[in-house]
Amino acid sequence: MTARSLIINADDLGYDPAVTRGILRAMREGVVSSATFMVNTPFSEAAAREARDLAIGLHLNLARGTPVWSGFPRALLGDDGDFVESRAASLPADVVEAETFAQLMRLQGLLGKPATHVDVHKHLHQHPQVLEGLARAARTAGLPVRSINEDMRRTLKSHGVATNAHFIGDAGAEAYWTLERLEQHLASLPADGITELMCHPGYRPETLKSGYSAQREVELETFLHPGAHELLKKARVVPTDFRDVKPGR
């Protein structure tokens, strides 16, 4: 069996200090190989100081907090000037494009290096206009974008944007990534192309209410477990990050 490449990406760096601590531990002590960073939270600067040596992409945030782009239309925001998740579907592509650029520039300023790639908080790029604006920005920046299904993959490729060939992961009422589920997925990874495994390890948020809270600690335990290293080795899987994702792959 030939070695297969797997991006194990932790979402939500910068979301909350406890979540950030867990992600950093999963990357430094566990098998997580990549993370994506929310740059518009009160905790972003502190997270960046701890993550500068790691493979970090942008977790484009159009669901909560304030925009980074100073020209973001006020009428598209809530009464408090924050994003409203339910309004994402109506965001014009040019607004998404400008906000994506602004968040990418903030990430580069905080980390002192460019993002490795872009994905989207709450998968809001399932909305066509969000995907269109993101694809335009990513093409200009030369960055890969996470795709979560074949339709999204085709759209990104039609824009000349590199993307992962396969995607696995979810978040719900129960913790998604247990050691048992990790073993099942590793045993059935596609042989061709790079797969992204999305995960949400961390400690329970200290400052925010989240529907995915205790579940993060279960995932953290999974990706820190010595058995996770053994499962990767047994499956001949090499953890990587989005810098290995190229157009056409």
Protein backbone atom coordinates (compact mmCIF):
# COMPACT_ATOMS: atom_id res chain seq x y z
CA MET A 1 0.00 0.00 0.00
CA THR A 2 1.36 3.41 -0.95
CA ALA A 3 1.31 6.27 1.54
CA ARG A 4 -1.73 8.55 1.42
CA SER A 5 -1.81 12.24 2.35
CA LEU A 6 -4.34 13.48 4.88
CA ILE A 7 -4.87 17.03 6.09
CA ILE A 8 -6.11 16.91 9.69
CA ASN A 9 -7.45 20.44 10.13
CA ALA A 10 -8.76 21.90 13.37
CA ASP A 11 -11.32 24.68 12.90
CA ASP A 12 -11.86 27.67 15.23
CA LEU A 13 -8.40 28.83 16.33
CA GLY A 14 -9.03 32.19 18.00
CA TYR A 15 -12.69 31.44 18.77
CA ASP A 16 -12.10 31.26 22.53
CA PRO A 17 -8.93 30.99 24.66
CA ALA A 18 -9.72 27.47 25.87
CA VAL A 19 -10.52 26.27 22.37
CA THR A 20 -7.26 27.78 21.14
CA ARG A 21 -5.25 26.06 23.88
CA GLY A 22 -6.71 22.72 22.91
CA ILE A 23 -6.03 23.20 19.21
CA LEU A 24 -2.42 24.19 19.84
CA ARG A 25 -1.92 21.16 22.04
CA ALA A 26 -3.50 18.89 19.40
CA MET A 27 -1.03 20.26 16.84
CA ARG A 28 2.08 20.17 19.00
CA GLU A 29 1.47 16.93 20.86
CA GLY A 30 -1.06 15.12 18.70
CA VAL A 31 -1.68 14.34 15.05
CA VAL A 32 -3.50 17.51 13.95
CA SER A 33 -1.48 18.99 11.09
CA SER A 34 -3.30 22.21 10.20
CA ALA A 35 -5.70 24.75 11.71
CA THR A 36 -7.87 27.62 10.55
CA PHE A 37 -7.93 30.95 12.32
CA MET A 38 -10.78 33.36 13.12
CA VAL A 39 -9.18 36.79 12.90
CA ASN A 40 -12.07 39.01 14.05
CA THR A 41 -12.53 37.92 17.67
CA PRO A 42 -11.28 39.48 20.92
CA PHE A 43 -8.92 36.50 21.23
CA SER A 44 -7.33 36.57 17.79
CA GLU A 45 -4.15 38.47 18.70
CA ALA A 46 -3.33 36.17 21.61
CA ALA A 47 -3.97 33.09 19.47
CA ALA A 48 -1.67 34.40 16.74
CA ARG A 49 1.21 34.91 19.15
CA GLU A 50 1.09 31.20 20.01
CA ALA A 51 0.59 29.85 16.49
CA ARG A 52 3.18 31.56 14.31
CA ASP A 53 5.25 28.41 13.78
CA LEU A 54 2.30 26.29 12.64
CA ALA A 55 0.41 25.68 9.38
CA ILE A 56 -2.50 28.09 9.67
CA GLY A 57 -5.24 29.02 7.21
CA LEU A 58 -8.11 31.49 7.42
CA HIS A 59 -11.41 30.42 8.96
CA LEU A 60 -13.41 33.04 7.08
CA ASN A 61 -15.96 34.33 9.55
CA LEU A 62 -19.17 35.80 8.18
CA ALA A 63 -21.35 34.45 10.99
CA ARG A 64 -20.38 36.36 14.13
CA GLY A 65 -18.36 39.37 15.27
CA THR A 66 -17.65 42.51 13.28
CA PRO A 67 -16.36 42.75 9.71
CA VAL A 68 -12.69 43.50 9.07
CA TRP A 69 -13.34 45.39 5.82
CA SER A 70 -14.10 49.00 6.68
CA GLY A 71 -16.40 49.33 3.67
CA PHE A 72 -18.73 46.49 4.65
CA PRO A 73 -22.30 47.73 4.03
CA ARG A 74 -23.96 48.55 7.35
CA ALA A 75 -27.37 47.51 6.02
CA LEU A 76 -26.15 43.90 5.70
CA LEU A 77 -25.24 43.66 9.39
CA GLY A 78 -27.25 43.39 12.57
CA ASP A 79 -28.36 46.36 14.64
CA ASP A 80 -25.17 46.02 16.70
CA GLY A 81 -22.93 46.13 13.63
CA ASP A 82 -22.10 42.42 13.83
CA PHE A 83 -22.53 39.68 11.25
CA VAL A 84 -25.84 37.82 11.27
CA GLU A 85 -25.45 34.20 10.18
CA SER A 86 -28.93 34.03 8.66
CA ARG A 87 -28.09 36.91 6.31
CA ALA A 88 -25.07 35.23 4.76
CA ALA A 89 -27.09 33.87 1.84
CA SER A 90 -27.92 37.42 0.74
CA LEU A 91 -24.37 38.79 0.88
CA PRO A 92 -23.27 39.99 -2.59
CA ALA A 93 -20.23 38.25 -4.05
CA ASP A 94 -18.23 41.49 -4.26
CA VAL A 95 -18.80 42.13 -0.54
CA VAL A 96 -17.66 38.60 0.33
CA GLU A 97 -14.61 39.05 -1.89
CA ALA A 98 -13.61 42.30 -0.17
CA GLU A 99 -14.17 40.89 3.32
CA THR A 100 -12.16 37.77 2.47
CA PHE A 101 -9.23 39.92 1.36
CA ALA A 102 -9.48 42.01 4.52
CA GLN A 103 -9.48 38.94 6.76
CA LEU A 104 -6.55 37.44 4.84
CA MET A 105 -4.58 40.65 5.31
CA ARG A 106 -5.35 40.69 9.03
CA LEU A 107 -4.21 37.08 9.33
CA GLN A 108 -0.94 37.91 7.59
CA GLY A 109 -0.42 40.89 9.85
CA LEU A 110 -1.06 38.87 13.00
CA LEU A 111 0.94 35.79 12.02
CA GLY A 112 3.66 37.49 9.99
CA LYS A 113 3.04 35.09 7.08
CA PRO A 114 0.26 34.33 4.60
CA ALA A 115 -2.55 31.87 5.18
CA THR A 116 -2.06 28.32 3.90
CA HIS A 117 -5.66 28.20 2.63
CA VAL A 118 -9.22 29.32 3.37
CA ASP A 119 -12.27 27.57 4.77
CA VAL A 120 -15.49 29.08 6.10
CA HIS A 121 -17.05 29.10 9.57
CA LYS A 122 -20.38 27.23 9.50
CA HIS A 123 -19.68 26.20 5.87
CA LEU A 124 -21.41 29.38 4.69
CA HIS A 125 -19.74 28.98 1.29
CA GLN A 126 -22.55 26.56 0.52
CA HIS A 127 -24.42 29.74 -0.46
CA PRO A 128 -23.62 30.48 -4.13
CA GLN A 129 -22.76 34.16 -3.72
CA VAL A 130 -20.49 33.47 -0.76
CA LEU A 131 -18.68 30.78 -2.75
CA GLU A 132 -18.38 33.10 -5.75
CA GLY A 133 -16.83 35.93 -3.72
CA LEU A 134 -14.53 33.58 -1.85
CA ALA A 135 -13.40 31.89 -5.07
CA ARG A 136 -12.53 35.25 -6.63
CA ALA A 137 -10.44 36.27 -3.62
CA ALA A 138 -8.74 32.88 -3.35
CA ARG A 139 -7.86 32.85 -7.04
CA THR A 140 -6.25 36.28 -6.76
CA ALA A 141 -4.41 35.30 -3.58
CA GLY A 142 -3.35 31.94 -5.03
CA LEU A 143 -4.77 29.99 -2.09
CA PRO A 144 -6.61 26.66 -1.90
CA VAL A 145 -10.15 26.55 -0.49
CA ARG A 146 -11.85 23.75 1.40
CA SER A 147 -14.55 21.95 -0.56
CA ILE A 148 -17.07 19.82 1.30
CA ASN A 149 -18.83 18.18 -1.65
CA GLU A 150 -18.44 17.52 -5.36
CA ASP A 151 -20.54 20.48 -6.49
CA MET A 152 -18.40 22.88 -4.51
CA ARG A 153 -15.26 21.16 -5.78
CA ARG A 154 -16.33 21.62 -9.40
CA THR A 155 -17.19 25.28 -8.85
CA LEU A 156 -13.84 26.04 -7.22
CA LYS A 157 -11.92 24.25 -9.97
CA SER A 158 -13.89 26.15 -12.62
CA HIS A 159 -12.54 29.35 -11.02
CA GLY A 160 -8.99 28.00 -11.09
CA VAL A 161 -8.91 27.50 -7.32
CA ALA A 162 -7.13 24.50 -5.84
CA THR A 163 -9.09 22.36 -3.40
CA ASN A 164 -8.97 19.08 -1.51
CA ALA A 165 -10.05 16.01 -3.46
CA HIS A 166 -12.09 14.54 -0.59
CA PHE A 167 -13.59 15.74 2.70
CA ILE A 168 -14.60 14.01 5.93
CA GLY A 169 -15.83 15.37 9.24
CA ASP A 170 -18.88 16.82 10.96
CA ALA A 171 -20.08 18.31 14.25
CA GLY A 172 -23.37 17.56 15.97
CA ALA A 173 -24.98 16.61 19.25
CA GLU A 174 -22.32 13.97 19.88
CA ALA A 175 -18.56 14.28 19.49
CA TYR A 176 -17.76 13.29 15.94
CA TRP A 177 -14.15 12.15 16.19
CA THR A 178 -13.72 9.23 18.53
CA LEU A 179 -10.78 6.88 18.17
CA GLU A 180 -13.12 4.24 16.76
CA ARG A 181 -14.49 6.55 14.07
CA LEU A 182 -10.98 7.71 13.19
CA GLU A 183 -9.95 4.10 12.67
CA GLN A 184 -12.99 3.46 10.44
CA HIS A 185 -12.31 6.47 8.24
CA LEU A 186 -8.58 5.81 7.95
CA ALA A 187 -9.33 2.28 6.77
CA SER A 188 -11.49 3.59 3.92
CA LEU A 189 -9.59 6.67 2.75
CA PRO A 190 -9.58 7.13 -1.03
CA ALA A 191 -6.31 6.16 -2.65
CA ASP A 192 -6.25 9.15 -5.01
CA GLY A 193 -5.93 12.82 -4.13
CA ILE A 194 -5.61 14.61 -0.81
CA THR A 195 -8.35 14.21 1.78
CA GLU A 196 -9.16 16.84 4.40
CA LEU A 197 -10.34 15.64 7.79
CA MET A 198 -12.14 18.51 9.55
CA CYS A 199 -12.11 18.37 13.33
CA HIS A 200 -12.90 20.54 16.36
CA PRO A 201 -10.56 19.63 19.22
CA GLY A 202 -10.29 21.98 22.17
CA TYR A 203 -11.21 22.59 25.77
CA ARG A 204 -14.72 23.77 26.63
CA PRO A 205 -15.14 27.46 25.70
CA GLU A 206 -14.59 29.79 28.64
CA THR A 207 -16.21 32.92 27.26
CA LEU A 208 -18.94 31.77 24.86
CA LYS A 209 -21.91 29.46 24.76
CA SER A 210 -21.44 26.82 22.10
CA GLY A 211 -23.45 23.85 20.93
CA TYR A 212 -20.15 22.03 20.44
CA SER A 213 -18.48 22.34 23.83
CA ALA A 214 -17.89 19.12 25.77
CA GLN A 215 -17.61 17.41 22.38
CA ARG A 216 -14.41 19.36 21.72
CA GLU A 217 -12.72 17.70 24.69
CA VAL A 218 -13.63 14.25 23.35
CA GLU A 219 -12.06 15.15 20.01
CA LEU A 220 -8.99 16.56 21.73
CA GLU A 221 -8.53 13.29 23.59
CA THR A 222 -8.87 11.40 20.31
CA PHE A 223 -6.19 13.35 18.47
CA LEU A 224 -3.81 13.30 21.44
CA HIS A 225 -4.22 9.57 22.06
CA PRO A 226 -1.10 7.47 21.34
CA GLY A 227 -3.39 5.17 19.42
CA ALA A 228 -4.03 7.91 16.86
CA HIS A 229 -0.37 7.86 15.86
CA GLU A 230 -0.51 4.10 15.56
CA LEU A 231 -3.65 4.21 13.42
CA LEU A 232 -2.03 6.66 11.01
CA LYS A 233 1.07 4.51 10.79
CA LYS A 234 -0.96 1.33 10.25
CA ALA A 235 -2.97 2.98 7.46
CA ARG A 236 0.21 4.42 5.89
CA VAL A 237 -1.22 7.92 6.18
CA VAL A 238 1.06 10.96 6.14
CA PRO A 239 -0.43 14.07 7.83
CA THR A 240 0.09 17.20 5.74
CA ASP A 241 -1.44 20.65 5.24
CA PHE A 242 -2.97 22.67 2.41
CA ARG A 243 0.39 23.78 1.07
CA ASP A 244 0.46 20.38 -0.64
CA VAL A 245 -2.87 21.03 -2.39
CA LYS A 246 -2.18 22.19 -5.94
CA PRO A 247 -4.47 22.92 -8.90
CA GLY A 248 -5.56 19.71 -10.53
CA ARG A 249 -4.83 17.57 -7.46
